[in-house]
All heavy atoms as atom14 arrays in JSON, in Angstrom:
{
  "sequence": "FTDFRRLNHRMHNKLFVADGAMAIAGGRNLADEYFLRSDSA",
  "atom14_mask": [
    [1, 1, 1, 1, 1, 1, 1, 1, 1, 1, 1, 0, 0, 0],
    [1, 1, 1, 1, 1, 1, 1, 0, 0, 0, 0, 0, 0, 0],
    [1, 1, 1, 1, 1, 1, 1, 1, 0, 0, 0, 0, 0, 0],
    [1, 1, 1, 1, 1, 1, 1, 1, 1, 1, 1, 0, 0, 0],
    [1, 1, 1, 1, 1, 1, 1, 1, 1, 1, 1, 0, 0, 0],
    [1, 1, 1, 1, 1, 1, 1, 1, 1, 1, 1, 0, 0, 0],
    [1, 1, 1, 1, 1, 1, 1, 1, 0, 0, 0, 0, 0, 0],
    [1, 1, 1, 1, 1, 1, 1, 1, 0, 0, 0, 0, 0, 0],
    [1, 1, 1, 1, 1, 1, 1, 1, 1, 1, 0, 0, 0, 0],
    [1, 1, 1, 1, 1, 1, 1, 1, 1, 1, 1, 0, 0, 0],
    [1, 1, 1, 1, 1, 1, 1, 1, 0, 0, 0, 0, 0, 0],
    [1, 1, 1, 1, 1, 1, 1, 1, 1, 1, 0, 0, 0, 0],
    [1, 1, 1, 1, 1, 1, 1, 1, 0, 0, 0, 0, 0, 0],
    [1, 1, 1, 1, 1, 1, 1, 1, 1, 0, 0, 0, 0, 0],
    [1, 1, 1, 1, 1, 1, 1, 1, 0, 0, 0, 0, 0, 0],
    [1, 1, 1, 1, 1, 1, 1, 1, 1, 1, 1, 0, 0, 0],
    [1, 1, 1, 1, 1, 1, 1, 0, 0, 0, 0, 0, 0, 0],
    [1, 1, 1, 1, 1, 0, 0, 0, 0, 0, 0, 0, 0, 0],
    [1, 1, 1, 1, 1, 1, 1, 1, 0, 0, 0, 0, 0, 0],
    [1, 1, 1, 1, 0, 0, 0, 0, 0, 0, 0, 0, 0, 0],
    [1, 1, 1, 1, 1, 0, 0, 0, 0, 0, 0, 0, 0, 0],
    [1, 1, 1, 1, 1, 1, 1, 1, 0, 0, 0, 0, 0, 0],
    [1, 1, 1, 1, 1, 0, 0, 0, 0, 0, 0, 0, 0, 0],
    [1, 1, 1, 1, 1, 1, 1, 1, 0, 0, 0, 0, 0, 0],
    [1, 1, 1, 1, 1, 0, 0, 0, 0, 0, 0, 0, 0, 0],
    [1, 1, 1, 1, 0, 0, 0, 0, 0, 0, 0, 0, 0, 0],
    [1, 1, 1, 1, 0, 0, 0, 0, 0, 0, 0, 0, 0, 0],
    [1, 1, 1, 1, 1, 1, 1, 1, 1, 1, 1, 0, 0, 0],
    [1, 1, 1, 1, 1, 1, 1, 1, 0, 0, 0, 0, 0, 0],
    [1, 1, 1, 1, 1, 1, 1, 1, 0, 0, 0, 0, 0, 0],
    [1, 1, 1, 1, 1, 0, 0, 0, 0, 0, 0, 0, 0, 0],
    [1, 1, 1, 1, 1, 1, 1, 1, 0, 0, 0, 0, 0, 0],
    [1, 1, 1, 1, 1, 1, 1, 1, 1, 0, 0, 0, 0, 0],
    [1, 1, 1, 1, 1, 1, 1, 1, 1, 1, 1, 1, 0, 0],
    [1, 1, 1, 1, 1, 1, 1, 1, 1, 1, 1, 0, 0, 0],
    [1, 1, 1, 1, 1, 1, 1, 1, 0, 0, 0, 0, 0, 0],
    [1, 1, 1, 1, 1, 1, 1, 1, 1, 1, 1, 0, 0, 0],
    [1, 1, 1, 1, 1, 1, 0, 0, 0, 0, 0, 0, 0, 0],
    [1, 1, 1, 1, 1, 1, 1, 1, 0, 0, 0, 0, 0, 0],
    [1, 1, 1, 1, 1, 1, 0, 0, 0, 0, 0, 0, 0, 0],
    [1, 1, 1, 1, 1, 0, 0, 0, 0, 0, 0, 0, 0, 0]
  ],
  "atom14_positions": [
    [[0.81, -1.22, 0.0], [0.0, 0.0, 0.0], [0.85, 1.27, 0.0], [0.36, 2.32, -0.41], [-0.97, -0.01, 1.19], [-2.09, -1.0, 1.02], [-2.18, -2.12, 1.83], [-3.05, -0.82, 0.03], [-3.21, -3.04, 1.66], [-4.07, -1.73, -0.15], [-4.16, -2.84, 0.66], [0.0, 0.0, 0.0], [0.0, 0.0, 0.0], [0.0, 0.0, 0.0]],
    [[2.09, 1.18, 0.44], [2.95, 2.37, 0.39], [3.69, 2.49, -0.93], [4.25, 3.55, -1.22], [3.97, 2.35, 1.55], [4.72, 1.13, 1.51], [3.26, 2.46, 2.9], [0.0, 0.0, 0.0], [0.0, 0.0, 0.0], [0.0, 0.0, 0.0], [0.0, 0.0, 0.0], [0.0, 0.0, 0.0], [0.0, 0.0, 0.0], [0.0, 0.0, 0.0]],
    [[3.71, 1.42, -1.72], [4.32, 1.46, -3.05], [3.35, 0.85, -4.06], [3.71, 0.05, -4.92], [5.65, 0.68, -3.03], [6.52, 0.96, -4.24], [6.18, 1.87, -5.03], [7.54, 0.27, -4.42], [0.0, 0.0, 0.0], [0.0, 0.0, 0.0], [0.0, 0.0, 0.0], [0.0, 0.0, 0.0], [0.0, 0.0, 0.0], [0.0, 0.0, 0.0]],
    [[2.07, 1.27, -3.94], [0.99, 0.63, -4.67], [1.16, 0.74, -6.17], [0.9, -0.22, -6.9], [-0.35, 1.25, -4.26], [-1.54, 0.64, -4.94], [-2.09, -0.54, -4.47], [-2.11, 1.24, -6.06], [-3.18, -1.12, -5.09], [-3.2, 0.67, -6.69], [-3.74, -0.51, -6.2], [0.0, 0.0, 0.0], [0.0, 0.0, 0.0], [0.0, 0.0, 0.0]],
    [[1.62, 1.87, -6.66], [1.7, 2.08, -8.11], [2.61, 1.05, -8.76], [2.31, 0.56, -9.86], [2.2, 3.49, -8.39], [2.2, 3.84, -9.88], [2.54, 5.29, -10.1], [2.48, 5.63, -11.51], [2.7, 6.85, -11.98], [3.0, 7.83, -11.14], [2.63, 7.08, -13.27], [0.0, 0.0, 0.0], [0.0, 0.0, 0.0], [0.0, 0.0, 0.0]],
    [[3.7, 0.68, -8.1], [4.61, -0.32, -8.67], [4.13, -1.73, -8.37], [4.03, -2.57, -9.27], [6.04, -0.14, -8.13], [7.0, -1.23, -8.62], [8.4, -1.03, -8.09], [8.54, -1.33, -6.69], [8.79, -2.57, -6.23], [8.88, -3.6, -7.05], [8.92, -2.78, -4.93], [0.0, 0.0, 0.0], [0.0, 0.0, 0.0], [0.0, 0.0, 0.0]],
    [[3.83, -2.02, -7.11], [3.58, -3.39, -6.69], [2.21, -3.92, -7.13], [1.97, -5.12, -7.07], [3.74, -3.51, -5.18], [5.17, -3.35, -4.68], [5.21, -3.31, -3.16], [6.05, -4.48, -5.2], [0.0, 0.0, 0.0], [0.0, 0.0, 0.0], [0.0, 0.0, 0.0], [0.0, 0.0, 0.0], [0.0, 0.0, 0.0], [0.0, 0.0, 0.0]],
    [[1.32, -3.05, -7.59], [0.04, -3.52, -8.09], [0.18, -4.14, -9.48], [-0.76, -4.76, -9.99], [-0.96, -2.36, -8.16], [-2.37, -2.84, -8.47], [-2.86, -3.78, -7.86], [-3.01, -2.18, -9.42], [0.0, 0.0, 0.0], [0.0, 0.0, 0.0], [0.0, 0.0, 0.0], [0.0, 0.0, 0.0], [0.0, 0.0, 0.0], [0.0, 0.0, 0.0]],
    [[1.35, -4.04, -10.09], [1.59, -4.63, -11.41], [2.13, -6.04, -11.22], [3.28, -6.23, -10.85], [2.61, -3.77, -12.18], [2.76, -4.19, -13.62], [1.82, -3.92, -14.58], [3.74, -4.88, -14.24], [2.22, -4.41, -15.75], [3.38, -5.0, -15.57], [0.0, 0.0, 0.0], [0.0, 0.0, 0.0], [0.0, 0.0, 0.0], [0.0, 0.0, 0.0]],
    [[1.29, -7.06, -11.45], [1.66, -8.44, -11.2], [1.66, -9.24, -12.5], [1.11, -8.81, -13.51], [0.71, -9.12, -10.2], [0.44, -8.42, -8.89], [1.65, -7.89, -8.17], [2.8, -8.77, -8.13], [4.0, -8.36, -7.71], [4.19, -7.11, -7.31], [5.01, -9.2, -7.69], [0.0, 0.0, 0.0], [0.0, 0.0, 0.0], [0.0, 0.0, 0.0]],
    [[2.26, -10.42, -12.46], [2.39, -11.3, -13.63], [1.56, -12.57, -13.41], [1.9, -13.41, -12.59], [3.86, -11.67, -13.86], [4.08, -12.59, -15.05], [5.68, -13.42, -14.99], [5.37, -14.62, -13.66], [0.0, 0.0, 0.0], [0.0, 0.0, 0.0], [0.0, 0.0, 0.0], [0.0, 0.0, 0.0], [0.0, 0.0, 0.0], [0.0, 0.0, 0.0]],
    [[0.46, -12.71, -14.14], [-0.41, -13.88, -14.01], [-0.16, -14.92, -15.1], [-0.87, -15.92, -15.15], [-1.87, -13.43, -14.04], [-2.29, -12.69, -12.81], [-2.89, -13.3, -11.73], [-2.17, -11.38, -12.47], [-3.14, -12.41, -10.79], [-2.71, -11.23, -11.21], [0.0, 0.0, 0.0], [0.0, 0.0, 0.0], [0.0, 0.0, 0.0], [0.0, 0.0, 0.0]],
    [[0.83, -14.7, -15.96], [1.12, -15.65, -17.04], [1.6, -16.98, -16.47], [2.28, -17.02, -15.44], [2.2, -15.09, -17.97], [1.89, -13.69, -18.45], [1.7, -12.8, -17.63], [1.86, -13.5, -19.73], [0.0, 0.0, 0.0], [0.0, 0.0, 0.0], [0.0, 0.0, 0.0], [0.0, 0.0, 0.0], [0.0, 0.0, 0.0], [0.0, 0.0, 0.0]],
    [[1.26, -18.05, -17.18], [1.69, -19.39, -16.78], [2.12, -20.16, -18.02], [1.36, -20.25, -18.98], [0.56, -20.12, -16.05], [0.01, -19.37, -14.84], [-1.27, -19.99, -14.35], [-1.92, -19.11, -13.28], [-2.51, -17.88, -13.87], [0.0, 0.0, 0.0], [0.0, 0.0, 0.0], [0.0, 0.0, 0.0], [0.0, 0.0, 0.0], [0.0, 0.0, 0.0]],
    [[3.31, -20.73, -17.98], [3.83, -21.49, -19.11], [4.87, -22.48, -18.6], [5.63, -22.15, -17.68], [4.45, -20.55, -20.15], [4.87, -21.17, -21.48], [3.64, -21.67, -22.25], [5.63, -20.15, -22.33], [0.0, 0.0, 0.0], [0.0, 0.0, 0.0], [0.0, 0.0, 0.0], [0.0, 0.0, 0.0], [0.0, 0.0, 0.0], [0.0, 0.0, 0.0]],
    [[4.88, -23.66, -19.18], [5.8, -24.72, -18.77], [6.3, -25.38, -20.05], [5.52, -25.97, -20.8], [5.03, -25.72, -17.9], [5.86, -26.8, -17.28], [6.18, -26.78, -15.93], [6.32, -27.87, -18.05], [6.93, -27.8, -15.37], [7.08, -28.87, -17.5], [7.38, -28.84, -16.15], [0.0, 0.0, 0.0], [0.0, 0.0, 0.0], [0.0, 0.0, 0.0]],
    [[7.61, -25.26, -20.34], [8.18, -25.8, -21.58], [9.36, -26.7, -21.24], [10.26, -26.29, -20.49], [8.64, -24.68, -22.53], [9.15, -25.27, -23.84], [7.52, -23.68, -22.8], [0.0, 0.0, 0.0], [0.0, 0.0, 0.0], [0.0, 0.0, 0.0], [0.0, 0.0, 0.0], [0.0, 0.0, 0.0], [0.0, 0.0, 0.0], [0.0, 0.0, 0.0]],
    [[9.36, -27.9, -21.78], [10.43, -28.86, -21.54], [11.17, -29.15, -22.84], [10.54, -29.53, -23.84], [9.87, -30.16, -20.96], [0.0, 0.0, 0.0], [0.0, 0.0, 0.0], [0.0, 0.0, 0.0], [0.0, 0.0, 0.0], [0.0, 0.0, 0.0], [0.0, 0.0, 0.0], [0.0, 0.0, 0.0], [0.0, 0.0, 0.0], [0.0, 0.0, 0.0]],
    [[12.46, -28.97, -22.84], [13.34, -29.23, -23.99], [12.9, -28.5, -25.25], [13.22, -28.92, -26.37], [13.41, -30.74, -24.27], [14.31, -31.47, -23.29], [14.99, -30.79, -22.48], [14.34, -32.71, -23.32], [0.0, 0.0, 0.0], [0.0, 0.0, 0.0], [0.0, 0.0, 0.0], [0.0, 0.0, 0.0], [0.0, 0.0, 0.0], [0.0, 0.0, 0.0]],
    [[12.16, -27.41, -25.11], [11.68, -26.67, -26.27], [10.76, -27.47, -27.15], [10.43, -27.05, -28.27], [0.0, 0.0, 0.0], [0.0, 0.0, 0.0], [0.0, 0.0, 0.0], [0.0, 0.0, 0.0], [0.0, 0.0, 0.0], [0.0, 0.0, 0.0], [0.0, 0.0, 0.0], [0.0, 0.0, 0.0], [0.0, 0.0, 0.0], [0.0, 0.0, 0.0]],
    [[10.32, -28.63, -26.68], [9.57, -29.56, -27.51], [8.13, -29.74, -27.08], [7.24, -29.91, -27.92], [10.26, -30.92, -27.52], [0.0, 0.0, 0.0], [0.0, 0.0, 0.0], [0.0, 0.0, 0.0], [0.0, 0.0, 0.0], [0.0, 0.0, 0.0], [0.0, 0.0, 0.0], [0.0, 0.0, 0.0], [0.0, 0.0, 0.0], [0.0, 0.0, 0.0]],
    [[7.87, -29.75, -25.79], [6.52, -29.94, -25.27], [6.24, -28.89, -24.21], [7.14, -28.49, -23.47], [6.34, -31.34, -24.7], [6.43, -32.43, -25.75], [5.88, -34.04, -25.14], [6.07, -35.03, -26.63], [0.0, 0.0, 0.0], [0.0, 0.0, 0.0], [0.0, 0.0, 0.0], [0.0, 0.0, 0.0], [0.0, 0.0, 0.0], [0.0, 0.0, 0.0]],
    [[4.99, -28.47, -24.14], [4.62, -27.38, -23.23], [3.29, -27.68, -22.57], [2.46, -28.43, -23.1], [4.56, -26.06, -23.98], [0.0, 0.0, 0.0], [0.0, 0.0, 0.0], [0.0, 0.0, 0.0], [0.0, 0.0, 0.0], [0.0, 0.0, 0.0], [0.0, 0.0, 0.0], [0.0, 0.0, 0.0], [0.0, 0.0, 0.0], [0.0, 0.0, 0.0]],
    [[3.09, -27.05, -21.41], [1.8, -27.05, -20.73], [1.4, -25.59, -20.55], [2.18, -24.79, -20.02], [1.85, -27.76, -19.38], [2.18, -29.25, -19.55], [0.53, -27.61, -18.63], [2.39, -29.99, -18.25], [0.0, 0.0, 0.0], [0.0, 0.0, 0.0], [0.0, 0.0, 0.0], [0.0, 0.0, 0.0], [0.0, 0.0, 0.0], [0.0, 0.0, 0.0]],
    [[0.21, -25.24, -21.01], [-0.28, -23.88, -20.87], [-1.72, -23.94, -20.37], [-2.49, -24.81, -20.75], [-0.22, -23.14, -22.2], [0.0, 0.0, 0.0], [0.0, 0.0, 0.0], [0.0, 0.0, 0.0], [0.0, 0.0, 0.0], [0.0, 0.0, 0.0], [0.0, 0.0, 0.0], [0.0, 0.0, 0.0], [0.0, 0.0, 0.0], [0.0, 0.0, 0.0]],
    [[-2.08, -23.0, -19.5], [-3.43, -22.99, -18.95], [-3.49, -22.19, -17.68], [-2.67, -21.31, -17.43], [0.0, 0.0, 0.0], [0.0, 0.0, 0.0], [0.0, 0.0, 0.0], [0.0, 0.0, 0.0], [0.0, 0.0, 0.0], [0.0, 0.0, 0.0], [0.0, 0.0, 0.0], [0.0, 0.0, 0.0], [0.0, 0.0, 0.0], [0.0, 0.0, 0.0]],
    [[-4.45, -22.52, -16.82], [-4.74, -21.68, -15.69], [-4.17, -22.1, -14.35], [-4.31, -21.36, -13.37], [0.0, 0.0, 0.0], [0.0, 0.0, 0.0], [0.0, 0.0, 0.0], [0.0, 0.0, 0.0], [0.0, 0.0, 0.0], [0.0, 0.0, 0.0], [0.0, 0.0, 0.0], [0.0, 0.0, 0.0], [0.0, 0.0, 0.0], [0.0, 0.0, 0.0]],
    [[-3.53, -23.26, -14.25], [-3.11, -23.75, -12.94], [-1.82, -23.09, -12.46], [-0.83, -23.04, -13.19], [-2.9, -25.27, -12.97], [-4.19, -26.05, -13.04], [-3.94, -27.55, -12.91], [-5.18, -28.31, -12.95], [-5.68, -28.88, -14.05], [-5.01, -28.77, -15.2], [-6.82, -29.53, -14.02], [0.0, 0.0, 0.0], [0.0, 0.0, 0.0], [0.0, 0.0, 0.0]],
    [[-1.86, -22.61, -11.23], [-0.64, -22.26, -10.52], [-0.03, -23.53, -9.95], [-0.63, -24.61, -10.0], [-0.94, -21.25, -9.41], [-1.22, -19.87, -9.95], [-0.36, -19.23, -10.55], [-2.45, -19.4, -9.74], [0.0, 0.0, 0.0], [0.0, 0.0, 0.0], [0.0, 0.0, 0.0], [0.0, 0.0, 0.0], [0.0, 0.0, 0.0], [0.0, 0.0, 0.0]],
    [[1.16, -23.39, -9.38], [1.88, -24.57, -8.89], [1.76, -24.66, -7.36], [2.71, -24.43, -6.63], [3.35, -24.5, -9.34], [3.56, -24.31, -10.84], [5.04, -24.27, -11.18], [2.86, -25.41, -11.63], [0.0, 0.0, 0.0], [0.0, 0.0, 0.0], [0.0, 0.0, 0.0], [0.0, 0.0, 0.0], [0.0, 0.0, 0.0], [0.0, 0.0, 0.0]],
    [[0.57, -24.99, -6.91], [0.3, -25.08, -5.47], [-0.75, -26.17, -5.23], [-1.47, -26.57, -6.15], [-0.17, -23.74, -4.94], [0.0, 0.0, 0.0], [0.0, 0.0, 0.0], [0.0, 0.0, 0.0], [0.0, 0.0, 0.0], [0.0, 0.0, 0.0], [0.0, 0.0, 0.0], [0.0, 0.0, 0.0], [0.0, 0.0, 0.0], [0.0, 0.0, 0.0]],
    [[-0.84, -26.63, -3.99], [-1.72, -27.75, -3.65], [-3.15, -27.56, -4.15], [-3.77, -28.49, -4.7], [-1.76, -27.94, -2.13], [-0.54, -28.67, -1.6], [0.25, -29.18, -2.42], [-0.37, -28.72, -0.36], [0.0, 0.0, 0.0], [0.0, 0.0, 0.0], [0.0, 0.0, 0.0], [0.0, 0.0, 0.0], [0.0, 0.0, 0.0], [0.0, 0.0, 0.0]],
    [[-3.72, -26.35, -3.95], [-5.14, -26.14, -4.24], [-5.47, -26.2, -5.72], [-6.64, -26.27, -6.1], [-5.6, -24.8, -3.65], [-4.86, -23.58, -4.13], [-3.68, -23.23, -3.24], [-3.1, -24.14, -2.61], [-3.33, -22.03, -3.19], [0.0, 0.0, 0.0], [0.0, 0.0, 0.0], [0.0, 0.0, 0.0], [0.0, 0.0, 0.0], [0.0, 0.0, 0.0]],
    [[-4.45, -26.19, -6.59], [-4.69, -26.29, -8.04], [-4.6, -27.73, -8.54], [-4.87, -27.98, -9.72], [-3.7, -25.4, -8.79], [-3.96, -23.93, -8.54], [-3.35, -23.28, -7.48], [-4.84, -23.22, -9.34], [-3.59, -21.94, -7.23], [-5.1, -21.88, -9.1], [-4.47, -21.25, -8.04], [-4.73, -19.92, -7.79], [0.0, 0.0, 0.0], [0.0, 0.0, 0.0]],
    [[-4.25, -28.65, -7.65], [-4.14, -30.06, -8.03], [-4.93, -30.96, -7.08], [-4.61, -32.13, -6.91], [-2.66, -30.47, -8.06], [-1.86, -29.71, -9.08], [-1.14, -28.58, -8.73], [-1.84, -30.12, -10.41], [-0.41, -27.87, -9.67], [-1.1, -29.41, -11.36], [-0.39, -28.28, -10.99], [0.0, 0.0, 0.0], [0.0, 0.0, 0.0], [0.0, 0.0, 0.0]],
    [[-5.96, -30.39, -6.46], [-6.86, -31.12, -5.54], [-6.08, -31.79, -4.41], [-6.44, -32.89, -3.97], [-7.67, -32.17, -6.31], [-8.56, -31.63, -7.45], [-9.36, -32.78, -8.07], [-9.49, -30.53, -6.96], [0.0, 0.0, 0.0], [0.0, 0.0, 0.0], [0.0, 0.0, 0.0], [0.0, 0.0, 0.0], [0.0, 0.0, 0.0], [0.0, 0.0, 0.0]],
    [[-5.04, -31.12, -3.91], [-4.21, -31.69, -2.85], [-4.32, -30.89, -1.55], [-3.61, -31.16, -0.59], [-2.75, -31.76, -3.29], [-2.53, -32.51, -4.59], [-1.06, -32.55, -4.95], [-0.35, -33.63, -4.3], [0.97, -33.69, -4.16], [1.72, -32.7, -4.62], [1.54, -34.72, -3.58], [0.0, 0.0, 0.0], [0.0, 0.0, 0.0], [0.0, 0.0, 0.0]],
    [[-5.19, -29.89, -1.53], [-5.36, -29.07, -0.33], [-6.46, -29.65, 0.55], [-7.47, -30.16, 0.05], [-5.71, -27.63, -0.71], [-6.05, -26.88, 0.44], [0.0, 0.0, 0.0], [0.0, 0.0, 0.0], [0.0, 0.0, 0.0], [0.0, 0.0, 0.0], [0.0, 0.0, 0.0], [0.0, 0.0, 0.0], [0.0, 0.0, 0.0], [0.0, 0.0, 0.0]],
    [[-6.29, -29.56, 1.86], [-7.29, -30.06, 2.81], [-8.39, -29.05, 3.07], [-9.41, -29.39, 3.67], [-6.62, -30.43, 4.14], [-5.65, -31.59, 4.0], [-5.9, -32.45, 3.13], [-4.64, -31.62, 4.74], [0.0, 0.0, 0.0], [0.0, 0.0, 0.0], [0.0, 0.0, 0.0], [0.0, 0.0, 0.0], [0.0, 0.0, 0.0], [0.0, 0.0, 0.0]],
    [[-8.21, -27.79, 2.63], [-9.19, -26.76, 2.95], [-10.05, -26.36, 1.76], [-11.28, -26.32, 1.84], [-8.48, -25.52, 3.52], [-7.48, -25.06, 2.62], [0.0, 0.0, 0.0], [0.0, 0.0, 0.0], [0.0, 0.0, 0.0], [0.0, 0.0, 0.0], [0.0, 0.0, 0.0], [0.0, 0.0, 0.0], [0.0, 0.0, 0.0], [0.0, 0.0, 0.0]],
    [[-9.43, -26.03, 0.61], [-10.18, -25.61, -0.57], [-9.37, -25.9, -1.81], [-8.13, -25.87, -1.78], [-10.52, -24.12, -0.49], [0.0, 0.0, 0.0], [0.0, 0.0, 0.0], [0.0, 0.0, 0.0], [0.0, 0.0, 0.0], [0.0, 0.0, 0.0], [0.0, 0.0, 0.0], [0.0, 0.0, 0.0], [0.0, 0.0, 0.0], [0.0, 0.0, 0.0]]
  ]
}
C-alpha cells in the first residue's frame, strides 16, 4: 500500500516448456489447491 503504483503490477502468465519440444499452458498455478491436494479448498 505504500508502493501501490509499482507493486500492483503483477504477472499472471503461466507457461511450462520442456526441452523446447513440449509445453503445458493454462490456468493452474503450482500449489496444492490447483491439483486437488489441499485439505481446505
